[in-house]
PDB file of N, CA and C in Angstrom:
ATOM      1  N   MET A   1     -65.723 144.907-159.267  1.00  0.00           N
ATOM      2  CA  MET A   1     -66.899 144.157-159.348  1.00  0.00           C
ATOM      3  C   MET A   1     -66.988 143.441-160.808  1.00  0.00           C
ATOM      4  N   LEU A   2     -66.398 144.178-161.795  1.00  0.00           N
ATOM      5  CA  LEU A   2     -66.334 143.431-163.089  1.00  0.00           C
ATOM      6  C   LEU A   2     -65.416 142.249-163.011  1.00  0.00           C
ATOM      7  N   MET A   3     -64.323 142.322-162.393  1.00  0.00           N
ATOM      8  CA  MET A   3     -63.519 141.123-162.241  1.00  0.00           C
ATOM      9  C   MET A   3     -64.243 139.953-161.510  1.00  0.00           C
ATOM     10  N   ARG A   4     -64.935 140.338-160.378  1.00  0.00           N
ATOM     11  CA  ARG A   4     -65.704 139.313-159.642  1.00  0.00           C
ATOM     12  C   ARG A   4     -66.723 138.609-160.534  1.00  0.00           C
ATOM     13  N   ALA A   5     -67.411 139.498-161.392  1.00  0.00           N
ATOM     14  CA  ALA A   5     -68.428 138.978-162.259  1.00  0.00           C
ATOM     15  C   ALA A   5     -67.834 138.072-163.371  1.00  0.00           C
ATOM     16  N   ALA A   6     -66.664 138.429-163.978  1.00  0.00           N
ATOM     17  CA  ALA A   6     -66.056 137.718-165.029  1.00  0.00           C
ATOM     18  C   ALA A   6     -65.367 136.507-164.665  1.00  0.00           C
ATOM     19  N   PHE A   7     -64.776 136.501-163.485  1.00  0.00           N
ATOM     20  CA  PHE A   7     -63.945 135.424-162.995  1.00  0.00           C
ATOM     21  C   PHE A   7     -64.479 134.891-161.636  1.00  0.00           C
ATOM     22  N   TYR A   8     -64.994 133.759-161.479  1.00  0.00           N
ATOM     23  CA  TYR A   8     -65.727 133.304-160.217  1.00  0.00           C
ATOM     24  C   TYR A   8     -64.518 133.094-159.160  1.00  0.00           C
ATOM     25  N   TRP A   9     -63.280 132.891-159.638  1.00  0.00           N
ATOM     26  CA  TRP A   9     -62.129 132.653-158.700  1.00  0.00           C
ATOM     27  C   TRP A   9     -61.542 133.969-158.209  1.00  0.00           C
ATOM     28  N   TRP A  10     -61.970 135.089-158.657  1.00  0.00           N
ATOM     29  CA  TRP A  10     -61.372 136.295-158.254  1.00  0.00           C
ATOM     30  C   TRP A  10     -61.498 136.558-156.756  1.00  0.00           C
ATOM     31  N   PRO A  11     -60.317 136.577-156.035  1.00  0.00           N
ATOM     32  CA  PRO A  11     -60.311 136.613-154.521  1.00  0.00           C
ATOM     33  C   PRO A  11     -60.806 137.926-153.870  1.00  0.00           C
ATOM     34  N   ILE A  12     -60.784 139.065-154.572  1.00  0.00           N
ATOM     35  CA  ILE A  12     -61.050 140.302-153.861  1.00  0.00           C
ATOM     36  C   ILE A  12     -62.500 140.633-154.019  1.00  0.00           C
ATOM     37  N   GLN A  13     -63.263 140.767-152.897  1.00  0.00           N
ATOM     38  CA  GLN A  13     -64.623 141.098-152.804  1.00  0.00           C
ATOM     39  C   GLN A  13     -64.859 142.580-152.856  1.00  0.00           C
ATOM     40  N   PRO A  14     -65.754 143.184-153.529  1.00  0.00           N
ATOM     41  CA  PRO A  14     -66.008 144.596-153.546  1.00  0.00           C
ATOM     42  C   PRO A  14     -66.469 145.073-152.201  1.00  0.00           C
ATOM     43  N   ILE A  15     -67.192 144.353-151.512  1.00  0.00           N
ATOM     44  CA  ILE A  15     -67.632 144.816-150.126  1.00  0.00           C
ATOM     45  C   ILE A  15     -66.480 144.827-149.214  1.00  0.00           C
ATOM     46  N   GLY A  16     -65.436 144.107-149.371  1.00  0.00           N
ATOM     47  CA  GLY A  16     -64.199 144.209-148.630  1.00  0.00           C
ATOM     48  C   GLY A  16     -63.465 145.462-148.977  1.00  0.00           C
ATOM     49  N   LEU A  17     -63.390 145.900-150.189  1.00  0.00           N
ATOM     50  CA  LEU A  17     -62.809 147.127-150.460  1.00  0.00           C
ATOM     51  C   LEU A  17     -63.367 148.264-149.890  1.00  0.00           C
ATOM     52  N   LEU A  18     -64.722 148.297-149.852  1.00  0.00           N
ATOM     53  CA  LEU A  18     -65.549 149.332-149.173  1.00  0.00           C
ATOM     54  C   LEU A  18     -65.327 149.355-147.666  1.00  0.00           C
ATOM     55  N   ALA A  19     -65.068 148.126-147.121  1.00  0.00           N
ATOM     56  CA  ALA A  19     -64.941 148.125-145.642  1.00  0.00           C
ATOM     57  C   ALA A  19     -63.482 148.683-145.343  1.00  0.00           C
ATOM     58  N   ILE A  20     -62.593 148.453-146.149  1.00  0.00           N
ATOM     59  CA  ILE A  20     -61.118 148.933-145.904  1.00  0.00           C
ATOM     60  C   ILE A  20     -61.077 150.350-145.959  1.00  0.00           C
ATOM     61  N   ALA A  21     -61.954 151.046-146.728  1.00  0.00           N
ATOM     62  CA  ALA A  21     -62.009 152.454-146.898  1.00  0.00           C
ATOM     63  C   ALA A  21     -62.576 153.129-145.637  1.00  0.00           C
ATOM     64  N   ASN A  22     -63.151 152.365-144.811  1.00  0.00           N
ATOM     65  CA  ASN A  22     -63.873 152.974-143.606  1.00  0.00           C
ATOM     66  C   ASN A  22     -62.805 153.317-142.536  1.00  0.00           C
ATOM     67  N   TRP A  23     -63.183 154.347-141.730  1.00  0.00           N
ATOM     68  CA  TRP A  23     -62.280 154.709-140.687  1.00  0.00           C
ATOM     69  C   TRP A  23     -62.128 153.741-139.596  1.00  0.00           C
ATOM     70  N   SER A  24     -63.142 152.776-139.477  1.00  0.00           N
ATOM     71  CA  SER A  24     -63.169 151.838-138.435  1.00  0.00           C
ATOM     72  C   SER A  24     -62.583 150.411-138.890  1.00  0.00           C
ATOM     73  N   ALA A  25     -61.922 150.357-139.998  1.00  0.00           N
ATOM     74  CA  ALA A  25     -61.461 149.223-140.476  1.00  0.00           C
ATOM     75  C   ALA A  25     -60.514 148.413-139.629  1.00  0.00           C
ATOM     76  N   ASP A  26     -59.723 149.091-138.789  1.00  0.00           N
ATOM     77  CA  ASP A  26     -58.799 148.449-137.809  1.00  0.00           C
ATOM     78  C   ASP A  26     -59.588 147.726-136.787  1.00  0.00           C
ATOM     79  N   ARG A  27     -60.819 148.060-136.431  1.00  0.00           N
ATOM     80  CA  ARG A  27     -61.665 147.428-135.557  1.00  0.00           C
ATOM     81  C   ARG A  27     -62.501 146.274-136.074  1.00  0.00           C
ATOM     82  N   MET A  28     -62.699 146.323-137.414  1.00  0.00           N
ATOM     83  CA  MET A  28     -63.563 145.483-138.113  1.00  0.00           C
ATOM     84  C   MET A  28     -63.007 144.237-138.661  1.00  0.00           C
ATOM     85  N   TRP A  29     -61.752 144.206-138.857  1.00  0.00           N
ATOM     86  CA  TRP A  29     -61.035 143.060-139.663  1.00  0.00           C
ATOM     87  C   TRP A  29     -61.292 141.739-139.021  1.00  0.00           C
ATOM     88  N   LEU A  30     -61.237 141.721-137.712  1.00  0.00           N
ATOM     89  CA  LEU A  30     -61.450 140.307-137.075  1.00  0.00           C
ATOM     90  C   LEU A  30     -63.014 139.830-137.285  1.00  0.00           C
ATOM     91  N   PRO A  31     -64.001 140.685-137.104  1.00  0.00           N
ATOM     92  CA  PRO A  31     -65.380 140.136-137.421  1.00  0.00           C
ATOM     93  C   PRO A  31     -65.472 139.683-138.851  1.00  0.00           C
ATOM     94  N   PHE A  32     -64.915 140.506-139.719  1.00  0.00           N
ATOM     95  CA  PHE A  32     -65.006 140.135-141.241  1.00  0.00           C
ATOM     96  C   PHE A  32     -64.351 138.741-141.414  1.00  0.00           C
ATOM     97  N   LEU A  33     -63.046 138.549-140.790  1.00  0.00           N
ATOM     98  CA  LEU A  33     -62.339 137.283-141.051  1.00  0.00           C
ATOM     99  C   LEU A  33     -63.249 136.174-140.415  1.00  0.00           C
ATOM    100  N   LEU A  34     -63.797 136.340-139.264  1.00  0.00           N
ATOM    101  CA  LEU A  34     -64.636 135.286-138.645  1.00  0.00           C
ATOM    102  C   LEU A  34     -65.805 134.904-139.461  1.00  0.00           C
ATOM    103  N   TRP A  35     -66.527 135.918-140.018  1.00  0.00           N
ATOM    104  CA  TRP A  35     -67.670 135.731-140.856  1.00  0.00           C
ATOM    105  C   TRP A  35     -67.222 135.046-142.081  1.00  0.00           C
ATOM    106  N   TRP A  36     -66.134 135.349-142.719  1.00  0.00           N
ATOM    107  CA  TRP A  36     -65.712 134.767-143.928  1.00  0.00           C
ATOM    108  C   TRP A  36     -65.361 133.264-143.653  1.00  0.00           C
ATOM    109  N   LEU A  37     -64.613 133.026-142.609  1.00  0.00           N
ATOM    110  CA  LEU A  37     -64.291 131.736-142.257  1.00  0.00           C
ATOM    111  C   LEU A  37     -65.505 130.746-141.864  1.00  0.00           C
ATOM    112  N   THR A  38     -66.368 131.348-141.189  1.00  0.00           N
ATOM    113  CA  THR A  38     -67.601 130.516-140.939  1.00  0.00           C
ATOM    114  C   THR A  38     -68.308 130.332-142.083  1.00  0.00           C
ATOM    115  N   LYS A  39     -68.537 131.251-143.113  1.00  0.00           N
ATOM    116  CA  LYS A  39     -69.165 131.102-144.288  1.00  0.00           C
ATOM    117  C   LYS A  39     -68.566 129.945-145.205  1.00  0.00           C
ATOM    118  N   VAL A  40     -67.272 130.032-145.323  1.00  0.00           N
ATOM    119  CA  VAL A  40     -66.569 129.063-146.064  1.00  0.00           C
ATOM    120  C   VAL A  40     -66.688 127.621-145.508  1.00  0.00           C
ATOM    121  N   LEU A  41     -66.574 127.522-144.127  1.00  0.00           N
ATOM    122  CA  LEU A  41     -66.814 126.215-143.519  1.00  0.00           C
ATOM    123  C   LEU A  41     -68.281 125.684-143.807  1.00  0.00           C
ATOM    124  N   LEU A  42     -69.239 126.595-143.589  1.00  0.00           N
ATOM    125  CA  LEU A  42     -70.626 126.208-143.885  1.00  0.00           C
ATOM    126  C   LEU A  42     -70.892 125.719-145.238  1.00  0.00           C
ATOM    127  N   VAL A  43     -70.234 126.466-146.200  1.00  0.00           N
ATOM    128  CA  VAL A  43     -70.415 126.179-147.638  1.00  0.00           C
ATOM    129  C   VAL A  43     -69.786 124.856-147.975  1.00  0.00           C
ATOM    130  N   ARG A  44     -68.608 124.610-147.388  1.00  0.00           N
ATOM    131  CA  ARG A  44     -67.861 123.481-147.868  1.00  0.00           C
ATOM    132  C   ARG A  44     -68.366 122.101-147.012  1.00  0.00           C
ATOM    133  N   PHE A  45     -68.783 122.247-145.790  1.00  0.00           N
ATOM    134  CA  PHE A  45     -69.027 121.078-145.035  1.00  0.00           C
ATOM    135  C   PHE A  45     -70.550 120.980-144.644  1.00  0.00           C
ATOM    136  N   ALA A  46     -71.385 121.901-144.885  1.00  0.00           N
ATOM    137  CA  ALA A  46     -72.713 121.860-144.598  1.00  0.00           C
ATOM    138  C   ALA A  46     -73.671 121.890-145.755  1.00  0.00           C
ATOM    139  N   SER A  47     -74.984 121.718-145.508  1.00  0.00           N
ATOM    140  CA  SER A  47     -75.928 121.764-146.644  1.00  0.00           C
ATOM    141  C   SER A  47     -76.540 123.132-146.810  1.00  0.00           C
ATOM    142  N   GLY A  48     -77.357 123.315-147.873  1.00  0.00           N
ATOM    143  CA  GLY A  48     -78.231 124.489-148.054  1.00  0.00           C
ATOM    144  C   GLY A  48     -79.079 124.850-146.925  1.00  0.00           C
ATOM    145  N   LYS A  49     -79.599 123.744-146.269  1.00  0.00           N
ATOM    146  CA  LYS A  49     -80.528 123.838-145.217  1.00  0.00           C
ATOM    147  C   LYS A  49     -79.774 124.538-144.074  1.00  0.00           C
ATOM    148  N   MET A  50     -78.626 124.087-143.772  1.00  0.00           N
ATOM    149  CA  MET A  50     -77.800 124.553-142.611  1.00  0.00           C
ATOM    150  C   MET A  50     -77.505 126.077-142.932  1.00  0.00           C
ATOM    151  N   MET A  51     -77.176 126.456-144.112  1.00  0.00           N
ATOM    152  CA  MET A  51     -77.009 127.855-144.479  1.00  0.00           C
ATOM    153  C   MET A  51     -78.157 128.657-144.192  1.00  0.00           C
ATOM    154  N   ARG A  52     -79.282 128.200-144.524  1.00  0.00           N
ATOM    155  CA  ARG A  52     -80.550 128.996-144.303  1.00  0.00           C
ATOM    156  C   ARG A  52     -80.778 129.097-142.742  1.00  0.00           C
ATOM    157  N   GLN A  53     -80.464 128.068-141.967  1.00  0.00           N
ATOM    158  CA  GLN A  53     -80.655 128.062-140.539  1.00  0.00           C
ATOM    159  C   GLN A  53     -79.621 129.087-139.932  1.00  0.00           C
ATOM    160  N   ALA A  54     -78.460 129.097-140.517  1.00  0.00           N
ATOM    161  CA  ALA A  54     -77.394 130.029-139.897  1.00  0.00           C
ATOM    162  C   ALA A  54     -77.561 131.507-140.318  1.00  0.00           C
ATOM    163  N   ARG A  55     -78.491 131.727-141.303  1.00  0.00           N
ATOM    164  CA  ARG A  55     -78.799 133.203-141.636  1.00  0.00           C
ATOM    165  C   ARG A  55     -79.340 134.004-140.647  1.00  0.00           C
ATOM    166  N   PHE A  56     -80.228 133.449-139.673  1.00  0.00           N
ATOM    167  CA  PHE A  56     -80.791 134.132-138.500  1.00  0.00           C
ATOM    168  C   PHE A  56     -79.589 134.491-137.522  1.00  0.00           C
ATOM    169  N   PHE A  57     -78.736 133.541-137.332  1.00  0.00           N
ATOM    170  CA  PHE A  57     -77.623 133.768-136.424  1.00  0.00           C
ATOM    171  C   PHE A  57     -76.799 135.008-136.951  1.00  0.00           C
ATOM    172  N   PHE A  58     -76.453 135.091-138.183  1.00  0.00           N
ATOM    173  CA  PHE A  58     -75.680 136.122-138.561  1.00  0.00           C
ATOM    174  C   PHE A  58     -76.401 137.501-138.640  1.00  0.00           C
ATOM    175  N   ILE A  59     -77.681 137.439-138.826  1.00  0.00           N
ATOM    176  CA  ILE A  59     -78.420 138.728-138.658  1.00  0.00           C
ATOM    177  C   ILE A  59     -78.376 139.236-137.313  1.00  0.00           C
ATOM    178  N   VAL A  60     -78.606 138.254-136.354  1.00  0.00           N
ATOM    179  CA  VAL A  60     -78.504 138.654-135.001  1.00  0.00           C
ATOM    180  C   VAL A  60     -77.069 139.284-134.522  1.00  0.00           C
ATOM    181  N   LEU A  61     -76.111 138.693-135.069  1.00  0.00           N
ATOM    182  CA  LEU A  61     -74.761 139.128-134.825  1.00  0.00           C
ATOM    183  C   LEU A  61     -74.561 140.600-135.385  1.00  0.00           C
ATOM    184  N   ILE A  62     -75.110 140.783-136.561  1.00  0.00           N
ATOM    185  CA  ILE A  62     -74.885 142.135-137.114  1.00  0.00           C
ATOM    186  C   ILE A  62     -75.685 143.182-136.336  1.00  0.00           C
ATOM    187  N   LEU A  63     -76.944 142.865-135.840  1.00  0.00           N
ATOM    188  CA  LEU A  63     -77.836 143.798-135.098  1.00  0.00           C
ATOM    189  C   LEU A  63     -77.135 143.984-133.654  1.00  0.00           C
ATOM    190  N   ALA A  64     -76.518 142.886-133.114  1.00  0.00           N
ATOM    191  CA  ALA A  64     -75.892 143.158-131.759  1.00  0.00           C
ATOM    192  C   ALA A  64     -74.760 144.112-131.942  1.00  0.00           C
ATOM    193  N   GLU A  65     -73.846 143.834-132.930  1.00  0.00           N
ATOM    194  CA  GLU A  65     -72.739 144.769-133.161  1.00  0.00           C
ATOM    195  C   GLU A  65     -73.138 146.138-133.404  1.00  0.00           C
ATOM    196  N   SER A  66     -74.165 146.341-134.257  1.00  0.00           N
ATOM    197  CA  SER A  66     -74.674 147.670-134.536  1.00  0.00           C
ATOM    198  C   SER A  66     -75.270 148.424-133.364  1.00  0.00           C
ATOM    199  N   SER A  67     -76.028 147.595-132.527  1.00  0.00           N
ATOM    200  CA  SER A  67     -76.664 148.153-131.319  1.00  0.00           C
ATOM    201  C   SER A  67     -75.565 148.564-130.271  1.00  0.00           C
ATOM    202  N   MET A  68     -74.606 147.738-130.231  1.00  0.00           N
ATOM    203  CA  MET A  68     -73.511 148.099-129.116  1.00  0.00           C
ATOM    204  C   MET A  68     -72.722 149.315-129.616  1.00  0.00           C
ATOM    205  N   ASP A  69     -72.566 149.541-130.867  1.00  0.00           N
ATOM    206  CA  ASP A  69     -71.916 150.793-131.458  1.00  0.00           C
ATOM    207  C   ASP A  69     -72.819 152.073-131.084  1.00  0.00           C
ATOM    208  N   VAL A  70     -74.098 151.760-131.130  1.00  0.00           N
ATOM    209  CA  VAL A  70     -75.037 152.891-130.940  1.00  0.00           C
ATOM    210  C   VAL A  70     -74.918 153.298-129.421  1.00  0.00           C
ATOM    211  N   VAL A  71     -74.985 152.287-128.551  1.00  0.00           N
ATOM    212  CA  VAL A  71     -74.944 152.470-127.133  1.00  0.00           C
ATOM    213  C   VAL A  71     -73.576 153.127-126.674  1.00  0.00           C
ATOM    214  N   ALA A  72     -72.506 152.744-127.335  1.00  0.00           N
ATOM    215  CA  ALA A  72     -71.166 153.333-127.004  1.00  0.00           C
ATOM    216  C   ALA A  72     -71.131 154.744-127.559  1.00  0.00           C
ATOM    217  N   THR A  73     -71.817 155.063-128.602  1.00  0.00           N
ATOM    218  CA  THR A  73     -71.831 156.394-129.036  1.00  0.00           C
ATOM    219  C   THR A  73     -72.641 157.345-128.167  1.00  0.00           C
ATOM    220  N   ILE A  74     -73.805 156.838-127.738  1.00  0.00           N
ATOM    221  CA  ILE A  74     -74.633 157.625-126.921  1.00  0.00           C
ATOM    222  C   ILE A  74     -74.004 157.863-125.575  1.00  0.00           C
ATOM    223  N   VAL A  75     -73.370 156.734-125.013  1.00  0.00           N
ATOM    224  CA  VAL A  75     -72.576 156.980-123.702  1.00  0.00           C
ATOM    225  C   VAL A  75     -71.437 157.909-123.877  1.00  0.00           C
ATOM    226  N   ARG A  76     -70.772 157.863-124.904  1.00  0.00           N
ATOM    227  CA  ARG A  76     -69.692 158.759-125.181  1.00  0.00           C
ATOM    228  C   ARG A  76     -70.076 160.179-125.409  1.00  0.00           C
ATOM    229  N   ALA A  77     -71.146 160.325-125.995  1.00  0.00           N
ATOM    230  CA  ALA A  77     -71.704 161.675-126.242  1.00  0.00           C
ATOM    231  C   ALA A  77     -72.255 162.304-124.843  1.00  0.00           C
ATOM    232  N   CYS A  78     -72.937 161.489-124.067  1.00  0.00           N
ATOM    233  CA  CYS A  78     -73.435 161.959-122.809  1.00  0.00           C
ATOM    234  C   CYS A  78     -72.323 162.186-121.816  1.00  0.00           C
ATOM    235  N   SER A  79     -71.232 161.511-121.767  1.00  0.00           N
ATOM    236  CA  SER A  79     -70.164 161.629-120.861  1.00  0.00           C
ATOM    237  C   SER A  79     -69.126 162.668-121.242  1.00  0.00           C
ATOM    238  N   GLY A  80     -69.273 163.285-122.412  1.00  0.00           N
ATOM    239  CA  GLY A  80     -68.422 164.277-122.907  1.00  0.00           C
ATOM    240  C   GLY A  80     -67.138 163.562-123.653  1.00  0.00           C
ATOM    241  N   GLY A  81     -67.373 162.462-124.036  1.00  0.00           N
ATOM    242  CA  GLY A  81     -66.273 161.702-124.791  1.00  0.00           C
ATOM    243  C   GLY A  81     -65.177 161.156-123.914  1.00  0.00           C
ATOM    244  N   THR A  82     -65.474 160.902-122.647  1.00  0.00           N
ATOM    245  CA  THR A  82     -64.426 160.391-121.776  1.00  0.00           C
ATOM    246  C   THR A  82     -64.496 158.679-121.785  1.00  0.00           C
ATOM    247  N   MET A  83     -65.468 158.035-122.343  1.00  0.00           N
ATOM    248  CA  MET A  83     -65.476 156.665-122.449  1.00  0.00           C
ATOM    249  C   MET A  83     -64.573 156.147-123.672  1.00  0.00           C
ATOM    250  N   ALA A  84     -63.832 155.205-123.481  1.00  0.00           N
ATOM    251  CA  ALA A  84     -62.947 154.718-124.606  1.00  0.00           C
ATOM    252  C   ALA A  84     -63.778 153.949-125.472  1.00  0.00           C
ATOM    253  N   GLY A  85     -63.580 154.082-126.873  1.00  0.00           N
ATOM    254  CA  GLY A  85     -64.357 153.317-127.797  1.00  0.00           C
ATOM    255  C   GLY A  85     -63.865 151.926-127.843  1.00  0.00           C
ATOM    256  N   PHE A  86     -64.614 151.033-128.299  1.00  0.00           N
ATOM    257  CA  PHE A  86     -64.277 149.660-128.413  1.00  0.00           C
ATOM    258  C   PHE A  86     -64.236 149.245-129.872  1.00  0.00           C
TER     259      PHE A  86
END
């Protein structure tokens, strides 16, 4: 975090390091990549107004992913763990 604060060009995000340490990092790399790519494209080619409008879309995506994980966990727990995780 110190390197990121000291050098604006530092490529490693602290939140990315936390995500890698998680057990589900192998399932989460594609959503992180897509989020990052979308953010970069919005910052580069869109205005601040477009970023504020896209914020709701990203919040909905986060809530949808989280709710699907909850549903899968509940189904897996009720079925004795026979449902494959996604």
